[in-house]
Protein backbone atom coordinates (compact mmCIF):
# COMPACT_ATOMS: atom_id res chain seq x y z
CA MET A 1 14.39 -32.43 13.04
CA ASP A 2 11.03 -33.45 11.93
CA PHE A 3 8.77 -31.27 11.84
CA PHE A 4 5.88 -33.25 10.54
CA PRO A 5 5.71 -36.39 12.06
CA SER A 6 1.58 -36.91 11.59
CA ARG A 7 0.39 -35.63 8.11
CA THR A 8 -3.45 -35.83 9.02
CA LEU A 9 -2.85 -33.54 12.36
CA ALA A 10 -0.43 -31.12 9.93
CA ILE A 11 -3.34 -30.94 7.53
CA TYR A 12 -5.70 -30.54 10.58
CA MET A 13 -4.35 -27.54 12.46
CA ALA A 14 -3.03 -25.84 8.89
CA LYS A 15 -6.92 -26.40 7.91
CA MET A 16 -8.36 -24.52 11.66
CA PHE A 17 -5.72 -21.98 11.75
CA ILE A 18 -6.40 -21.39 7.66
CA VAL A 19 -10.65 -21.18 7.64
CA ARG A 20 -10.12 -18.74 10.93
CA THR A 21 -8.12 -16.02 9.68
CA LEU A 22 -10.66 -15.84 6.83
CA ALA A 23 -13.46 -15.34 8.92
CA VAL A 24 -11.73 -13.02 11.13
CA LEU A 25 -10.51 -10.94 7.71
CA ALA A 26 -14.48 -11.51 6.43
CA LEU A 27 -15.54 -9.47 9.31
CA LEU A 28 -12.96 -7.31 9.60
CA VAL A 29 -12.95 -6.02 6.05
CA LEU A 30 -17.22 -6.22 6.08
CA VAL A 31 -17.23 -3.73 9.21
CA LEU A 32 -14.78 -1.79 7.47
CA GLN A 33 -16.09 -1.38 4.50
CA ALA A 34 -19.40 -0.77 5.88
CA LEU A 35 -18.10 1.99 7.76
CA ASP A 36 -15.71 3.11 5.09
CA LEU A 37 -18.26 3.76 2.62
CA LEU A 38 -20.66 5.31 5.39
CA GLY A 39 -18.24 8.08 5.54
CA GLU A 40 -17.78 8.56 1.80
CA SER A 41 -20.58 7.95 0.27
CA GLY A 42 -21.84 11.61 0.55
CA LYS A 43 -19.04 12.75 -1.72
CA ILE A 44 -19.62 9.92 -4.08
CA LEU A 45 -22.70 11.01 -4.47
CA ALA A 46 -22.31 14.98 -4.14
CA TYR A 47 -21.16 14.93 -7.96
CA GLU A 48 -24.68 15.13 -9.67
CA GLY A 49 -24.71 12.41 -12.00
CA ASN A 50 -23.52 9.46 -9.47
CA GLY A 51 -25.46 6.53 -8.30
CA GLU A 52 -25.69 3.13 -6.94
CA ALA A 53 -23.31 2.03 -9.23
CA GLU A 54 -20.48 4.55 -8.30
CA LEU A 55 -20.73 3.82 -4.64
CA TRP A 56 -20.16 -0.08 -6.24
CA THR A 57 -17.24 0.98 -7.99
CA TYR A 58 -16.18 2.32 -4.93
CA VAL A 59 -16.26 -0.79 -2.45
CA SER A 60 -14.60 -2.65 -5.63
CA LEU A 61 -11.24 -0.40 -5.35
CA ARG A 62 -11.29 0.37 -1.31
CA ALA A 63 -12.19 -3.49 -0.46
CA PRO A 64 -8.86 -4.78 -1.80
CA GLN A 65 -6.37 -2.19 0.26
CA LEU A 66 -8.78 -3.56 3.39
CA VAL A 67 -8.10 -7.08 2.28
CA ALA A 68 -4.32 -5.78 1.66
CA ARG A 69 -4.29 -4.18 5.25
CA PHE A 70 -5.55 -6.04 7.57
CA LEU A 71 -4.84 -9.88 6.42
CA PRO A 72 -1.54 -10.04 8.77
CA PHE A 73 -3.86 -9.15 11.68
CA SER A 74 -6.38 -11.44 10.45
CA VAL A 75 -3.18 -14.24 10.35
CA LEU A 76 -2.88 -12.82 13.91
CA LEU A 77 -6.07 -13.33 15.61
CA GLY A 78 -6.63 -16.39 13.55
CA THR A 79 -3.32 -18.21 15.68
CA ILE A 80 -4.57 -16.82 18.82
CA ILE A 81 -8.01 -17.73 18.47
CA THR A 82 -6.94 -21.09 16.90
CA LEU A 83 -4.30 -21.55 19.37
CA ALA A 84 -6.41 -20.81 22.14
CA THR A 85 -9.25 -23.30 21.17
CA LEU A 86 -7.00 -26.01 20.84
CA ASN A 87 -4.98 -25.34 24.77
CA GLN A 88 -8.63 -25.23 25.67
CA ASN A 89 -9.77 -28.87 24.78
CA SER A 90 -6.35 -30.08 25.81
CA GLU A 91 -5.44 -30.60 21.88
CA VAL A 92 -1.81 -29.25 22.95
CA VAL A 93 -1.31 -31.17 25.97
CA SER A 94 -2.16 -34.82 23.86
CA MET A 95 0.23 -32.84 20.91
CA LYS A 96 3.17 -33.15 23.87
CA ALA A 97 2.51 -36.06 25.89
CA GLY A 98 2.66 -37.88 21.95
CA GLY A 99 6.10 -36.26 21.97
CA LEU A 100 5.33 -32.82 19.58
CA SER A 101 7.95 -29.98 20.82
CA ALA A 102 6.48 -26.62 20.27
CA HIS A 103 8.49 -26.21 17.13
CA GLN A 104 6.27 -29.65 15.52
CA ILE A 105 3.45 -28.45 16.95
CA LEU A 106 3.50 -24.59 15.13
CA ALA A 107 4.58 -26.03 11.98
CA PRO A 108 1.82 -26.59 10.55
CA LEU A 109 0.41 -22.71 11.52
CA ILE A 110 3.87 -21.73 9.69
CA VAL A 111 3.36 -23.35 6.60
CA ALA A 112 -0.03 -22.62 5.95
CA SER A 113 0.87 -18.30 7.06
CA MET A 114 3.58 -18.76 3.86
CA GLY A 115 1.33 -19.63 1.42
CA VAL A 116 -0.91 -16.79 3.02
CA ALA A 117 2.28 -14.65 2.26
CA LEU A 118 2.25 -15.51 -1.17
CA PHE A 119 -1.35 -15.03 -1.66
CA ALA A 120 -0.86 -11.52 -0.11
CA PHE A 121 2.24 -10.60 -2.45
CA VAL A 122 0.72 -11.65 -5.92
CA PHE A 123 -2.39 -10.13 -4.49
CA ASN A 124 -1.27 -6.64 -3.48
CA GLU A 125 0.63 -6.60 -7.29
CA THR A 126 -2.13 -7.89 -9.46
CA LEU A 127 -5.71 -6.02 -7.78
CA VAL A 128 -4.00 -3.82 -5.20
CA ALA A 129 -1.65 -1.74 -6.05
CA PRO A 130 -4.24 -0.78 -9.66
CA ALA A 131 -7.13 -0.10 -7.44
CA THR A 132 -5.11 2.25 -5.41
CA ALA A 133 -3.96 3.88 -8.25
CA ARG A 134 -7.30 4.10 -9.12
CA LEU A 135 -8.90 5.00 -6.32
CA SER A 136 -6.48 8.14 -6.01
CA GLN A 137 -6.94 8.96 -9.47
CA TRP A 138 -10.74 9.06 -9.10
CA GLU A 139 -10.69 11.00 -5.62
CA LYS A 140 -8.79 13.84 -7.06
CA VAL A 141 -11.30 14.24 -9.70
CA GLU A 142 -13.91 14.97 -6.81
CA PHE A 143 -15.10 11.24 -7.54
CA GLY A 144 -16.62 12.54 -11.34
CA PRO A 145 -16.12 10.13 -14.32
CA ILE A 146 -12.49 8.19 -13.90
CA PRO A 147 -10.19 8.84 -16.02
CA ALA A 148 -9.86 6.01 -18.83
CA GLU A 149 -6.06 6.22 -18.89
CA SER A 150 -3.95 3.55 -16.72
CA ASN A 151 -0.90 5.99 -15.99
CA ILE A 152 -3.10 8.97 -16.05
CA ARG A 153 -1.70 11.88 -13.17
CA THR A 154 -4.04 14.66 -12.69
CA ASN A 155 -3.22 18.62 -10.81
CA VAL A 156 0.52 18.55 -11.53
CA TRP A 157 2.15 21.47 -11.11
CA VAL A 158 5.91 22.33 -12.59
CA LYS A 159 8.23 25.19 -11.55
CA ASP A 160 10.51 26.71 -14.74
CA GLY A 161 12.41 29.30 -12.76
CA ASN A 162 9.75 32.09 -12.16
CA ASN A 163 6.84 30.68 -13.74
CA LEU A 164 4.30 27.70 -12.77
CA ILE A 165 2.70 25.54 -15.08
CA ASN A 166 -0.11 23.44 -14.18
CA ALA A 167 -1.51 20.70 -16.16
CA GLN A 168 -4.84 18.75 -15.15
CA SER A 169 -4.19 15.68 -16.55
CA VAL A 170 -0.88 14.31 -17.48
CA THR A 171 -0.48 10.67 -19.36
CA GLY A 172 2.23 8.30 -21.18
CA ARG A 173 5.64 8.32 -20.56
CA GLY A 174 9.34 9.67 -21.45
CA GLU A 175 9.16 11.58 -25.14
CA LYS A 176 5.40 10.92 -25.42
CA VAL A 177 3.90 12.43 -23.00
CA VAL A 178 0.41 14.28 -23.41
CA LEU A 179 -0.44 17.72 -20.96
CA ARG A 180 -4.21 18.36 -21.34
CA ASP A 181 -6.22 21.50 -19.80
CA ILE A 182 -2.78 23.39 -19.46
CA THR A 183 -2.54 26.97 -17.59
CA ILE A 184 1.13 28.39 -17.40
CA TYR A 185 1.28 31.66 -15.23
CA ASN A 186 4.27 33.59 -16.42
CA ARG A 187 5.77 35.76 -13.35
CA THR A 188 8.33 38.37 -13.36
CA GLU A 189 10.24 39.76 -9.78
CA ASN A 190 7.21 42.27 -9.41
CA GLY A 191 3.99 39.78 -10.50
CA LEU A 192 2.09 38.27 -12.96
CA LYS A 193 3.07 38.78 -16.38
CA ASN A 194 0.95 36.92 -18.67
CA LEU A 195 -1.24 33.94 -17.96
CA LEU A 196 -1.60 30.87 -21.76
CA GLN A 197 -4.40 28.28 -21.67
CA GLY A 198 -3.69 25.43 -24.11
CA GLU A 199 -6.25 22.87 -24.47
CA GLU A 200 -3.40 20.10 -25.45
CA ALA A 201 0.63 19.94 -24.85
CA ARG A 202 3.06 17.49 -26.76
CA PHE A 203 6.59 17.57 -26.70
CA THR A 204 8.14 18.36 -30.14
CA GLY A 205 12.22 17.52 -28.20
CA SER A 206 12.49 21.23 -28.37
CA GLY A 207 9.92 22.72 -26.32
CA TRP A 208 6.10 21.81 -26.11
CA LEU A 209 3.04 22.06 -28.74
CA LEU A 210 0.74 23.95 -27.02
CA THR A 211 -2.99 23.78 -29.06
CA ASP A 212 -6.07 26.01 -29.31
CA VAL A 213 -3.96 28.46 -26.93
CA THR A 214 -5.52 31.58 -24.64
CA GLN A 215 -3.54 34.42 -24.49
CA PHE A 216 -4.11 37.02 -21.64
CA ASP A 217 -2.05 40.19 -20.84
CA VAL A 218 -2.39 41.28 -17.05
CA SER A 219 -0.57 44.92 -17.77
CA THR A 220 -2.78 45.01 -20.61
CA GLY A 221 -6.27 43.51 -19.91
CA THR A 222 -5.95 42.26 -23.77
CA GLU A 223 -6.92 38.27 -24.42
CA GLU A 224 -5.59 36.80 -27.32
CA LYS A 225 -6.17 33.58 -29.26
CA LYS A 226 -3.69 31.51 -31.07
CA ALA A 227 -4.31 28.33 -32.46
CA GLU A 228 -0.96 26.65 -31.96
CA LEU A 229 2.76 28.16 -30.02
CA VAL A 230 5.64 26.01 -28.83
CA VAL A 231 6.95 27.23 -25.02
CA GLY A 232 8.90 25.67 -22.29
CA ASP A 233 12.25 24.85 -23.78
CA SER A 234 13.66 24.24 -20.55
CA ILE A 235 11.12 22.13 -19.20
CA ARG A 236 11.81 18.04 -18.93
CA PRO A 237 9.02 15.51 -19.57
CA ASP A 238 10.14 13.83 -16.79
CA GLN A 239 9.44 17.09 -14.70
CA PHE A 240 6.05 15.42 -14.98
CA THR A 241 5.65 11.90 -15.15
CA LEU A 242 7.71 11.86 -12.35
CA THR A 243 5.77 13.98 -9.75
CA ASN A 244 3.86 12.62 -6.89
CA VAL A 245 5.07 8.78 -7.53
CA SER A 246 3.35 6.64 -4.83
CA ALA A 247 4.65 3.06 -3.89
CA ASP A 248 1.10 1.91 -2.88
CA SER A 249 0.42 3.03 -6.74
CA LEU A 250 2.75 1.07 -8.63
CA SER A 251 3.49 -3.08 -8.51
CA ILE A 252 6.79 -3.74 -7.37
CA PHE A 253 8.26 -3.78 -11.39
CA ALA A 254 6.89 -0.77 -12.61
CA LEU A 255 8.15 0.92 -9.09
CA SER A 256 11.33 -0.34 -9.17
CA THR A 257 11.21 1.09 -13.53
CA ALA A 258 10.15 4.73 -11.47
CA ILE A 259 13.35 4.74 -9.15
CA GLY A 260 15.97 4.94 -11.97
CA GLU A 261 14.03 7.38 -14.01
CA LEU A 262 14.09 9.11 -10.56
CA GLU A 263 17.79 8.38 -10.14
CA ARG A 264 18.95 9.62 -13.35
CA ALA A 265 16.64 12.79 -12.97
CA GLY A 266 18.85 13.54 -9.61
CA ARG A 267 16.15 13.05 -7.67
CA PRO A 268 15.88 11.33 -3.99
CA THR A 269 14.59 8.23 -3.80
CA MET A 270 15.20 6.78 -0.60
CA SER A 271 11.08 6.99 0.85
CA LEU A 272 10.67 5.22 -2.79
CA LYS A 273 13.15 2.35 -2.28
CA ALA A 274 12.26 1.92 1.32
CA GLY A 275 8.63 0.92 0.22
CA TRP A 276 10.29 -0.96 -2.93
CA TRP A 277 11.57 -3.43 -0.25
CA HIS A 278 7.84 -2.94 1.96
CA LYS A 279 6.57 -4.56 -0.87
CA ILE A 280 7.89 -7.88 0.30
CA SER A 281 8.30 -7.72 3.75
CA GLY A 282 5.11 -6.67 4.43
CA PRO A 283 3.08 -9.89 2.79
CA MET A 284 6.17 -12.00 5.01
CA SER A 285 4.73 -10.51 8.29
CA SER A 286 2.18 -13.27 7.71
CA ILE A 287 5.06 -15.97 8.93
CA LEU A 288 5.89 -13.96 12.08
CA MET A 289 2.46 -13.90 13.40
CA PRO A 290 1.67 -17.53 14.15
CA LEU A 291 5.25 -17.55 16.57
CA LEU A 292 3.99 -14.17 17.96
CA GLY A 293 0.43 -16.04 18.78
CA ALA A 294 2.35 -18.95 20.02
CA VAL A 295 2.06 -18.32 23.66
CA ALA A 296 -1.57 -18.74 23.32
CA ALA A 297 -0.92 -22.32 22.93
CA PHE A 298 1.14 -23.09 25.52
CA GLY A 299 0.17 -23.36 29.99
CA LEU A 300 -2.23 -25.50 30.97
CA ALA A 301 -5.77 -24.34 30.28
CA ARG A 302 -7.30 -25.00 33.32
CA SER A 303 -4.15 -22.58 35.21
CA GLY A 304 -6.51 -19.40 34.74
CA GLN A 305 -3.81 -17.37 32.03
CA LEU A 306 -5.03 -18.62 29.26
CA PHE A 307 -7.18 -15.41 28.29
CA LEU A 308 -3.73 -13.65 29.92
CA ARG A 309 -1.34 -15.41 27.22
CA ALA A 310 -3.66 -15.10 24.54
CA VAL A 311 -3.32 -10.84 24.96
CA ILE A 312 0.80 -11.20 25.51
CA GLY A 313 0.28 -12.84 21.80
CA MET A 314 -1.73 -10.17 20.80
CA ALA A 315 0.46 -7.72 22.26
CA LEU A 316 3.33 -8.74 20.48
CA GLY A 317 2.13 -8.84 17.16
CA PHE A 318 0.66 -5.59 17.40
CA ALA A 319 3.77 -3.83 18.87
CA TYR A 320 5.74 -6.10 15.96
CA PHE A 321 2.78 -3.93 13.29
CA VAL A 322 3.84 -0.28 15.42
CA ALA A 323 7.57 -1.17 14.53
CA ASP A 324 6.89 -1.57 11.23
CA ASN A 325 5.45 1.53 10.56
CA PHE A 326 7.39 3.82 12.72
CA ALA A 327 10.33 1.82 10.96
CA LEU A 328 8.64 2.32 7.37
CA ALA A 329 8.16 6.17 8.51
CA MET A 330 11.67 6.63 10.00
CA GLY A 331 12.82 5.13 6.04
CA ASN A 332 10.35 7.90 4.16
CA ILE A 333 12.26 10.57 5.59
CA GLY A 334 15.82 9.36 5.02
CA ALA A 335 16.82 8.72 9.07
CA TYR A 336 17.21 5.16 8.07
CA PRO A 337 18.29 3.00 5.04
CA PRO A 338 15.55 1.90 2.87
CA ILE A 339 16.60 -2.27 3.89
CA LEU A 340 17.01 -2.24 7.37
CA ALA A 341 13.52 0.46 7.00
CA ALA A 342 11.80 -2.93 5.65
CA TRP A 343 12.86 -5.72 7.14
CA ALA A 344 14.45 -4.53 10.52
CA PRO A 345 11.86 -4.94 12.53
CA PHE A 346 10.53 -8.58 11.03
CA LEU A 347 14.14 -9.55 12.08
CA LEU A 348 13.78 -8.38 15.80
CA PHE A 349 10.71 -9.67 16.35
CA PHE A 350 11.78 -12.94 14.39
CA LEU A 351 13.92 -12.97 17.23
CA ILE A 352 12.38 -11.76 19.87
CA GLY A 353 9.30 -14.82 19.17
CA GLU A 354 12.33 -17.86 19.23
CA THR A 355 13.16 -16.53 21.89
CA VAL A 356 10.37 -16.54 24.22
CA LEU A 357 9.64 -19.62 22.69
CA VAL A 358 12.63 -21.62 23.42
CA ARG A 359 13.04 -20.11 26.93
CA THR A 360 9.02 -20.62 28.11
CA GLU A 361 8.40 -24.26 26.32
CA GLU A 362 11.66 -26.09 24.93
């Protein structure tokens, strides 16, 4: 049960694993970022006034997403490269001849992958979620000036009976919500009755106070301007703030708050709860990769099956990602309970990896 009989050997293997994982990650992010920038640069530069600075801004917002998405892939490939190299150089044979079991050989890699998983969780919470929210806001304004507010929501539509309300931007939470560039379509069963446009709207407790209002009457074709007008006494602030909540754009604590608000408002939260659990299980997928790629470490290199073993390890890893995405999709539509959607693939492939390792090497 001593998983680290040699401190020197454990550090040597962990260092090999981390260096190769980071090298693979850097290569993947560099190539994919270049391809992504080629596809999006035309849209960014299409907005008048955008230039090289905006391209670098896009890279700074997009790169954290690529790192988070492909870090588990990099751990898998780093594992396979590390173990295949050790096997090719007969170092695994030497370890087994020295009395190490398969689990003892893999232990330094698994501990190192725990550190990677912890880093991935912190990285997602501090960099990826804010960058995703910012990039989403920027894309909605077609790469124009990025809104200064960090919690802004753009182009929000709310239905109030037959009437439709559109706010180009929504900031704040609770009763401190501020709407800007508002358009209200007052409709009857026969069609549009009149059109209200306002510069800003604030919740007063019993309605919404619009400023700089322009009212257009469809039947008469007349236009009237008013400094202030109170409308929408039946519209709640949370109808604007709880629309289009994205789990990827919020930290785990902010997402918990949003889920609570949605539940109090009687909104469905199954997909957001699945996303909440996946914020924990997603980074932990890095811990599985050494176990799934372990098949590349064993077997005699001279048997000619080293490449086949590496392919099998890669296939197991990619099968996990397919199962994880499928389960998360099932959780988003409510077919799976949220906790099952997030953790079932992890537990299933942990058991598969342990079974393969025990049956073939232990």
